[in-house]
Amino acid sequence: MNSPLGIGVISFAHGPAHLYCERLATFDDARLVACWDDNTARGRQAAERHGRSEELPSELQSLKDLVCRQLLAKKKVAGGG
């Protein structure tokens, strides 16, 4: 059997993210490896809830950086920064 696919969730701003993590725990071929959020407290809380690290594996850092750039751009367009 191949090793499970590692998945990191990079936002918990919407409620279903926790449901996805809980469902993922039932899969044999995938596993949750990290929980992160641009809101530090929310990310820490999610990591604790799901027993995972707040630190993303290096292969997910570039995706996190892209998401953060998109969030920043969205805030600027909305007049928040």
PDB file of N, CA and C in Angstrom:
ATOM      1  N   MET A   1       0.845  -1.196   0.000  1.00  0.00           N
ATOM      2  CA  MET A   1       0.000   0.000   0.000  1.00  0.00           C
ATOM      3  C   MET A   1       0.876   1.241   0.000  1.00  0.00           C
ATOM      4  N   ASN A   2       0.483   2.242  -0.771  1.00  0.00           N
ATOM      5  CA  ASN A   2       1.198   3.509  -0.791  1.00  0.00           C
ATOM      6  C   ASN A   2       0.963   4.255   0.509  1.00  0.00           C
ATOM      7  N   SER A   3       1.901   5.147   0.834  1.00  0.00           N
ATOM      8  CA  SER A   3       1.698   5.944   2.042  1.00  0.00           C
ATOM      9  C   SER A   3       0.558   6.933   1.800  1.00  0.00           C
ATOM     10  N   PRO A   4      -0.161   7.291   2.859  1.00  0.00           N
ATOM     11  CA  PRO A   4      -1.314   8.190   2.707  1.00  0.00           C
ATOM     12  C   PRO A   4      -0.900   9.575   2.207  1.00  0.00           C
ATOM     13  N   LEU A   5      -1.778  10.190   1.473  1.00  0.00           N
ATOM     14  CA  LEU A   5      -1.587  11.549   1.004  1.00  0.00           C
ATOM     15  C   LEU A   5      -1.716  12.491   2.191  1.00  0.00           C
ATOM     16  N   GLY A   6      -0.725  13.333   2.422  1.00  0.00           N
ATOM     17  CA  GLY A   6      -0.776  14.301   3.511  1.00  0.00           C
ATOM     18  C   GLY A   6      -1.468  15.574   3.063  1.00  0.00           C
ATOM     19  N   ILE A   7      -2.440  16.026   3.827  1.00  0.00           N
ATOM     20  CA  ILE A   7      -3.213  17.218   3.487  1.00  0.00           C
ATOM     21  C   ILE A   7      -3.134  18.220   4.627  1.00  0.00           C
ATOM     22  N   GLY A   8      -2.865  19.476   4.283  1.00  0.00           N
ATOM     23  CA  GLY A   8      -2.870  20.557   5.255  1.00  0.00           C
ATOM     24  C   GLY A   8      -4.007  21.504   4.954  1.00  0.00           C
ATOM     25  N   VAL A   9      -4.762  21.878   5.953  1.00  0.00           N
ATOM     26  CA  VAL A   9      -5.863  22.828   5.782  1.00  0.00           C
ATOM     27  C   VAL A   9      -5.336  24.207   6.153  1.00  0.00           C
ATOM     28  N   ILE A  10      -5.528  25.180   5.254  1.00  0.00           N
ATOM     29  CA  ILE A  10      -4.922  26.490   5.465  1.00  0.00           C
ATOM     30  C   ILE A  10      -5.916  27.602   5.771  1.00  0.00           C
ATOM     31  N   SER A  11      -7.139  27.257   6.104  1.00  0.00           N
ATOM     32  CA  SER A  11      -8.091  28.260   6.570  1.00  0.00           C
ATOM     33  C   SER A  11      -9.234  27.582   7.315  1.00  0.00           C
ATOM     34  N   PHE A  12      -9.551  28.149   8.445  1.00  0.00           N
ATOM     35  CA  PHE A  12     -10.693  27.670   9.232  1.00  0.00           C
ATOM     36  C   PHE A  12     -11.708  28.787   9.423  1.00  0.00           C
ATOM     37  N   ALA A  13     -11.734  29.723   8.477  1.00  0.00           N
ATOM     38  CA  ALA A  13     -12.659  30.853   8.553  1.00  0.00           C
ATOM     39  C   ALA A  13     -14.103  30.422   8.336  1.00  0.00           C
ATOM     40  N   HIS A  14     -14.294  29.277   7.706  1.00  0.00           N
ATOM     41  CA  HIS A  14     -15.638  28.781   7.445  1.00  0.00           C
ATOM     42  C   HIS A  14     -15.841  27.468   8.187  1.00  0.00           C
ATOM     43  N   GLY A  15     -16.984  27.311   8.805  1.00  0.00           N
ATOM     44  CA  GLY A  15     -17.295  26.147   9.634  1.00  0.00           C
ATOM     45  C   GLY A  15     -17.041  24.788   9.020  1.00  0.00           C
ATOM     46  N   PRO A  16     -17.337  24.591   7.734  1.00  0.00           N
ATOM     47  CA  PRO A  16     -17.151  23.255   7.168  1.00  0.00           C
ATOM     48  C   PRO A  16     -15.708  22.739   7.213  1.00  0.00           C
ATOM     49  N   ALA A  17     -14.734  23.600   7.390  1.00  0.00           N
ATOM     50  CA  ALA A  17     -13.333  23.144   7.428  1.00  0.00           C
ATOM     51  C   ALA A  17     -13.139  22.084   8.507  1.00  0.00           C
ATOM     52  N   HIS A  18     -13.781  22.247   9.661  1.00  0.00           N
ATOM     53  CA  HIS A  18     -13.653  21.251  10.729  1.00  0.00           C
ATOM     54  C   HIS A  18     -14.305  19.926  10.330  1.00  0.00           C
ATOM     55  N   LEU A  19     -15.418  20.021   9.641  1.00  0.00           N
ATOM     56  CA  LEU A  19     -16.080  18.797   9.171  1.00  0.00           C
ATOM     57  C   LEU A  19     -15.197  18.051   8.174  1.00  0.00           C
ATOM     58  N   TYR A  20     -14.522  18.794   7.295  1.00  0.00           N
ATOM     59  CA  TYR A  20     -13.623  18.158   6.332  1.00  0.00           C
ATOM     60  C   TYR A  20     -12.498  17.428   7.059  1.00  0.00           C
ATOM     61  N   CYS A  21     -11.945  18.064   8.087  1.00  0.00           N
ATOM     62  CA  CYS A  21     -10.860  17.448   8.853  1.00  0.00           C
ATOM     63  C   CYS A  21     -11.334  16.184   9.559  1.00  0.00           C
ATOM     64  N   GLU A  22     -12.520  16.242  10.121  1.00  0.00           N
ATOM     65  CA  GLU A  22     -13.068  15.069  10.810  1.00  0.00           C
ATOM     66  C   GLU A  22     -13.330  13.928   9.823  1.00  0.00           C
ATOM     67  N   ARG A  23     -13.840  14.261   8.665  1.00  0.00           N
ATOM     68  CA  ARG A  23     -14.101  13.239   7.643  1.00  0.00           C
ATOM     69  C   ARG A  23     -12.792  12.644   7.125  1.00  0.00           C
ATOM     70  N   LEU A  24     -11.803  13.493   6.948  1.00  0.00           N
ATOM     71  CA  LEU A  24     -10.499  13.052   6.468  1.00  0.00           C
ATOM     72  C   LEU A  24      -9.892  11.994   7.394  1.00  0.00           C
ATOM     73  N   ALA A  25     -10.172  12.106   8.668  1.00  0.00           N
ATOM     74  CA  ALA A  25      -9.642  11.148   9.648  1.00  0.00           C
ATOM     75  C   ALA A  25     -10.160   9.734   9.419  1.00  0.00           C
ATOM     76  N   THR A  26     -11.230   9.592   8.643  1.00  0.00           N
ATOM     77  CA  THR A  26     -11.803   8.265   8.391  1.00  0.00           C
ATOM     78  C   THR A  26     -11.209   7.594   7.145  1.00  0.00           C
ATOM     79  N   PHE A  27     -10.375   8.309   6.401  1.00  0.00           N
ATOM     80  CA  PHE A  27      -9.805   7.772   5.167  1.00  0.00           C
ATOM     81  C   PHE A  27      -8.534   6.979   5.446  1.00  0.00           C
ATOM     82  N   ASP A  28      -8.345   5.914   4.703  1.00  0.00           N
ATOM     83  CA  ASP A  28      -7.112   5.132   4.812  1.00  0.00           C
ATOM     84  C   ASP A  28      -5.998   5.691   3.927  1.00  0.00           C
ATOM     85  N   ASP A  29      -6.384   6.376   2.852  1.00  0.00           N
ATOM     86  CA  ASP A  29      -5.392   6.813   1.881  1.00  0.00           C
ATOM     87  C   ASP A  29      -5.031   8.294   1.969  1.00  0.00           C
ATOM     88  N   ALA A  30      -5.475   8.973   3.020  1.00  0.00           N
ATOM     89  CA  ALA A  30      -5.147  10.385   3.218  1.00  0.00           C
ATOM     90  C   ALA A  30      -5.092  10.667   4.714  1.00  0.00           C
ATOM     91  N   ARG A  31      -4.327  11.704   5.066  1.00  0.00           N
ATOM     92  CA  ARG A  31      -4.245  12.075   6.480  1.00  0.00           C
ATOM     93  C   ARG A  31      -4.049  13.579   6.604  1.00  0.00           C
ATOM     94  N   LEU A  32      -4.550  14.134   7.654  1.00  0.00           N
ATOM     95  CA  LEU A  32      -4.389  15.549   7.954  1.00  0.00           C
ATOM     96  C   LEU A  32      -3.013  15.742   8.573  1.00  0.00           C
ATOM     97  N   VAL A  33      -2.201  16.617   7.986  1.00  0.00           N
ATOM     98  CA  VAL A  33      -0.848  16.817   8.515  1.00  0.00           C
ATOM     99  C   VAL A  33      -0.676  18.150   9.230  1.00  0.00           C
ATOM    100  N   ALA A  34      -1.517  19.143   8.911  1.00  0.00           N
ATOM    101  CA  ALA A  34      -1.362  20.446   9.548  1.00  0.00           C
ATOM    102  C   ALA A  34      -2.636  21.255   9.441  1.00  0.00           C
ATOM    103  N   CYS A  35      -2.817  22.161  10.402  1.00  0.00           N
ATOM    104  CA  CYS A  35      -3.931  23.106  10.419  1.00  0.00           C
ATOM    105  C   CYS A  35      -3.336  24.498  10.579  1.00  0.00           C
ATOM    106  N   TRP A  36      -3.667  25.408   9.681  1.00  0.00           N
ATOM    107  CA  TRP A  36      -3.126  26.765   9.744  1.00  0.00           C
ATOM    108  C   TRP A  36      -4.226  27.739   9.366  1.00  0.00           C
ATOM    109  N   ASP A  37      -4.141  28.944   9.916  1.00  0.00           N
ATOM    110  CA  ASP A  37      -5.074  30.004   9.556  1.00  0.00           C
ATOM    111  C   ASP A  37      -4.342  31.332   9.682  1.00  0.00           C
ATOM    112  N   ASP A  38      -4.700  32.323   8.868  1.00  0.00           N
ATOM    113  CA  ASP A  38      -4.052  33.629   8.977  1.00  0.00           C
ATOM    114  C   ASP A  38      -4.425  34.321  10.287  1.00  0.00           C
ATOM    115  N   ASN A  39      -5.495  33.876  10.913  1.00  0.00           N
ATOM    116  CA  ASN A  39      -5.842  34.313  12.263  1.00  0.00           C
ATOM    117  C   ASN A  39      -5.153  33.320  13.206  1.00  0.00           C
ATOM    118  N   THR A  40      -4.085  33.759  13.856  1.00  0.00           N
ATOM    119  CA  THR A  40      -3.237  32.867  14.652  1.00  0.00           C
ATOM    120  C   THR A  40      -4.020  32.090  15.704  1.00  0.00           C
ATOM    121  N   ALA A  41      -4.899  32.755  16.401  1.00  0.00           N
ATOM    122  CA  ALA A  41      -5.674  32.075  17.457  1.00  0.00           C
ATOM    123  C   ALA A  41      -6.576  30.996  16.859  1.00  0.00           C
ATOM    124  N   ARG A  42      -7.207  31.308  15.749  1.00  0.00           N
ATOM    125  CA  ARG A  42      -8.090  30.330  15.095  1.00  0.00           C
ATOM    126  C   ARG A  42      -7.284  29.140  14.584  1.00  0.00           C
ATOM    127  N   GLY A  43      -6.107  29.395  14.035  1.00  0.00           N
ATOM    128  CA  GLY A  43      -5.244  28.320  13.559  1.00  0.00           C
ATOM    129  C   GLY A  43      -4.757  27.429  14.690  1.00  0.00           C
ATOM    130  N   ARG A  44      -4.372  28.056  15.795  1.00  0.00           N
ATOM    131  CA  ARG A  44      -3.912  27.289  16.960  1.00  0.00           C
ATOM    132  C   ARG A  44      -5.041  26.429  17.516  1.00  0.00           C
ATOM    133  N   GLN A  45      -6.228  27.011  17.592  1.00  0.00           N
ATOM    134  CA  GLN A  45      -7.393  26.292  18.101  1.00  0.00           C
ATOM    135  C   GLN A  45      -7.736  25.095  17.203  1.00  0.00           C
ATOM    136  N   ALA A  46      -7.663  25.289  15.895  1.00  0.00           N
ATOM    137  CA  ALA A  46      -7.947  24.195  14.960  1.00  0.00           C
ATOM    138  C   ALA A  46      -6.898  23.100  15.090  1.00  0.00           C
ATOM    139  N   ALA A  47      -5.628  23.487  15.192  1.00  0.00           N
ATOM    140  CA  ALA A  47      -4.554  22.498  15.330  1.00  0.00           C
ATOM    141  C   ALA A  47      -4.747  21.671  16.596  1.00  0.00           C
ATOM    142  N   GLU A  48      -5.102  22.336  17.680  1.00  0.00           N
ATOM    143  CA  GLU A  48      -5.338  21.620  18.941  1.00  0.00           C
ATOM    144  C   GLU A  48      -6.555  20.704  18.827  1.00  0.00           C
ATOM    145  N   ARG A  49      -7.618  21.199  18.216  1.00  0.00           N
ATOM    146  CA  ARG A  49      -8.851  20.422  18.076  1.00  0.00           C
ATOM    147  C   ARG A  49      -8.616  19.128  17.293  1.00  0.00           C
ATOM    148  N   HIS A  50      -7.751  19.211  16.274  1.00  0.00           N
ATOM    149  CA  HIS A  50      -7.532  18.058  15.401  1.00  0.00           C
ATOM    150  C   HIS A  50      -6.214  17.336  15.692  1.00  0.00           C
ATOM    151  N   GLY A  51      -5.533  17.744  16.758  1.00  0.00           N
ATOM    152  CA  GLY A  51      -4.309  17.066  17.160  1.00  0.00           C
ATOM    153  C   GLY A  51      -3.194  17.150  16.130  1.00  0.00           C
ATOM    154  N   ARG A  52      -3.061  18.296  15.502  1.00  0.00           N
ATOM    155  CA  ARG A  52      -2.054  18.480  14.461  1.00  0.00           C
ATOM    156  C   ARG A  52      -1.207  19.707  14.747  1.00  0.00           C
ATOM    157  N   SER A  53      -0.187  19.869  13.945  1.00  0.00           N
ATOM    158  CA  SER A  53       0.724  20.996  14.075  1.00  0.00           C
ATOM    159  C   SER A  53       0.136  22.244  13.430  1.00  0.00           C
ATOM    160  N   GLU A  54       0.524  23.395  13.960  1.00  0.00           N
ATOM    161  CA  GLU A  54       0.189  24.669  13.321  1.00  0.00           C
ATOM    162  C   GLU A  54       1.161  24.968  12.191  1.00  0.00           C
ATOM    163  N   GLU A  55       2.314  24.325  12.224  1.00  0.00           N
ATOM    164  CA  GLU A  55       3.347  24.548  11.217  1.00  0.00           C
ATOM    165  C   GLU A  55       3.041  23.729   9.980  1.00  0.00           C
ATOM    166  N   LEU A  56       3.024  24.378   8.847  1.00  0.00           N
ATOM    167  CA  LEU A  56       2.777  23.673   7.594  1.00  0.00           C
ATOM    168  C   LEU A  56       4.062  23.023   7.103  1.00  0.00           C
ATOM    169  N   PRO A  57       3.963  21.850   6.522  1.00  0.00           N
ATOM    170  CA  PRO A  57       5.132  21.250   5.892  1.00  0.00           C
ATOM    171  C   PRO A  57       5.661  22.182   4.792  1.00  0.00           C
ATOM    172  N   SER A  58       6.931  22.126   4.520  1.00  0.00           N
ATOM    173  CA  SER A  58       7.555  23.046   3.565  1.00  0.00           C
ATOM    174  C   SER A  58       6.864  23.039   2.197  1.00  0.00           C
ATOM    175  N   GLU A  59       6.377  21.882   1.762  1.00  0.00           N
ATOM    176  CA  GLU A  59       5.741  21.838   0.445  1.00  0.00           C
ATOM    177  C   GLU A  59       4.421  22.605   0.398  1.00  0.00           C
ATOM    178  N   LEU A  60       3.863  22.968   1.557  1.00  0.00           N
ATOM    179  CA  LEU A  60       2.622  23.754   1.577  1.00  0.00           C
ATOM    180  C   LEU A  60       2.869  25.239   1.821  1.00  0.00           C
ATOM    181  N   GLN A  61       4.107  25.625   2.122  1.00  0.00           N
ATOM    182  CA  GLN A  61       4.401  27.027   2.419  1.00  0.00           C
ATOM    183  C   GLN A  61       4.081  27.950   1.250  1.00  0.00           C
ATOM    184  N   SER A  62       4.424  27.549   0.023  1.00  0.00           N
ATOM    185  CA  SER A  62       4.164  28.423  -1.119  1.00  0.00           C
ATOM    186  C   SER A  62       2.665  28.612  -1.335  1.00  0.00           C
ATOM    187  N   LEU A  63       1.874  27.572  -1.083  1.00  0.00           N
ATOM    188  CA  LEU A  63       0.427  27.704  -1.192  1.00  0.00           C
ATOM    189  C   LEU A  63      -0.101  28.652  -0.122  1.00  0.00           C
ATOM    190  N   LYS A  64       0.410  28.528   1.093  1.00  0.00           N
ATOM    191  CA  LYS A  64       0.004  29.436   2.171  1.00  0.00           C
ATOM    192  C   LYS A  64       0.349  30.871   1.799  1.00  0.00           C
ATOM    193  N   ASP A  65       1.544  31.089   1.244  1.00  0.00           N
ATOM    194  CA  ASP A  65       1.957  32.434   0.848  1.00  0.00           C
ATOM    195  C   ASP A  65       1.029  33.015  -0.211  1.00  0.00           C
ATOM    196  N   LEU A  66       0.608  32.175  -1.155  1.00  0.00           N
ATOM    197  CA  LEU A  66      -0.325  32.614  -2.190  1.00  0.00           C
ATOM    198  C   LEU A  66      -1.661  33.011  -1.575  1.00  0.00           C
ATOM    199  N   VAL A  67      -2.165  32.206  -0.660  1.00  0.00           N
ATOM    200  CA  VAL A  67      -3.436  32.511   0.001  1.00  0.00           C
ATOM    201  C   VAL A  67      -3.321  33.832   0.771  1.00  0.00           C
ATOM    202  N   CYS A  68      -2.218  34.023   1.471  1.00  0.00           N
ATOM    203  CA  CYS A  68      -2.034  35.270   2.236  1.00  0.00           C
ATOM    204  C   CYS A  68      -1.987  36.483   1.312  1.00  0.00           C
ATOM    205  N   ARG A  69      -1.328  36.353   0.174  1.00  0.00           N
ATOM    206  CA  ARG A  69      -1.289  37.471  -0.783  1.00  0.00           C
ATOM    207  C   ARG A  69      -2.694  37.778  -1.291  1.00  0.00           C
ATOM    208  N   GLN A  70      -3.492  36.743  -1.553  1.00  0.00           N
ATOM    209  CA  GLN A  70      -4.860  36.944  -2.028  1.00  0.00           C
ATOM    210  C   GLN A  70      -5.719  37.624  -0.961  1.00  0.00           C
ATOM    211  N   LEU A  71      -5.542  37.205   0.293  1.00  0.00           N
ATOM    212  CA  LEU A  71      -6.298  37.831   1.394  1.00  0.00           C
ATOM    213  C   LEU A  71      -5.932  39.299   1.529  1.00  0.00           C
ATOM    214  N   LEU A  72      -4.639  39.605   1.440  1.00  0.00           N
ATOM    215  CA  LEU A  72      -4.185  40.988   1.545  1.00  0.00           C
ATOM    216  C   LEU A  72      -4.749  41.822   0.407  1.00  0.00           C
ATOM    217  N   ALA A  73      -4.717  41.297  -0.794  1.00  0.00           N
ATOM    218  CA  ALA A  73      -5.251  42.027  -1.952  1.00  0.00           C
ATOM    219  C   ALA A  73      -6.750  42.276  -1.784  1.00  0.00           C
ATOM    220  N   LYS A  74      -7.467  41.292  -1.272  1.00  0.00           N
ATOM    221  CA  LYS A  74      -8.905  41.415  -1.053  1.00  0.00           C
ATOM    222  C   LYS A  74      -9.209  42.521  -0.037  1.00  0.00           C
ATOM    223  N   LYS A  75      -8.411  42.568   1.040  1.00  0.00           N
ATOM    224  CA  LYS A  75      -8.603  43.584   2.067  1.00  0.00           C
ATOM    225  C   LYS A  75      -8.347  44.988   1.494  1.00  0.00           C
ATOM    226  N   LYS A  76      -7.333  45.103   0.644  1.00  0.00           N
ATOM    227  CA  LYS A  76      -7.030  46.412   0.037  1.00  0.00           C
ATOM    228  C   LYS A  76      -8.167  46.861  -0.861  1.00  0.00           C
ATOM    229  N   VAL A  77      -8.708  45.956  -1.655  1.00  0.00           N
ATOM    230  CA  VAL A  77      -9.825  46.286  -2.545  1.00  0.00           C
ATOM    231  C   VAL A  77     -11.041  46.709  -1.732  1.00  0.00           C
ATOM    232  N   ALA A  78     -11.257  46.064  -0.584  1.00  0.00           N
ATOM    233  CA  ALA A  78     -12.406  46.376   0.258  1.00  0.00           C
ATOM    234  C   ALA A  78     -12.165  47.630   1.102  1.00  0.00           C
ATOM    235  N   GLY A  79     -10.962  48.202   0.994  1.00  0.00           N
ATOM    236  CA  GLY A  79     -10.655  49.400   1.769  1.00  0.00           C
ATOM    237  C   GLY A  79     -10.165  49.145   3.158  1.00  0.00           C
ATOM    238  N   GLY A  80      -9.754  47.913   3.426  1.00  0.00           N
ATOM    239  CA  GLY A  80      -9.286  47.570   4.763  1.00  0.00           C
ATOM    240  C   GLY A  80      -7.804  47.594   4.937  1.00  0.00           C
ATOM    241  N   GLY A  81      -7.044  48.183   4.060  1.00  0.00           N
ATOM    242  CA  GLY A  81      -5.604  48.155   4.273  1.00  0.00           C
ATOM    243  C   GLY A  81      -4.918  48.802   3.171  1.00  0.00           C
TER     244      GLY A  81
END
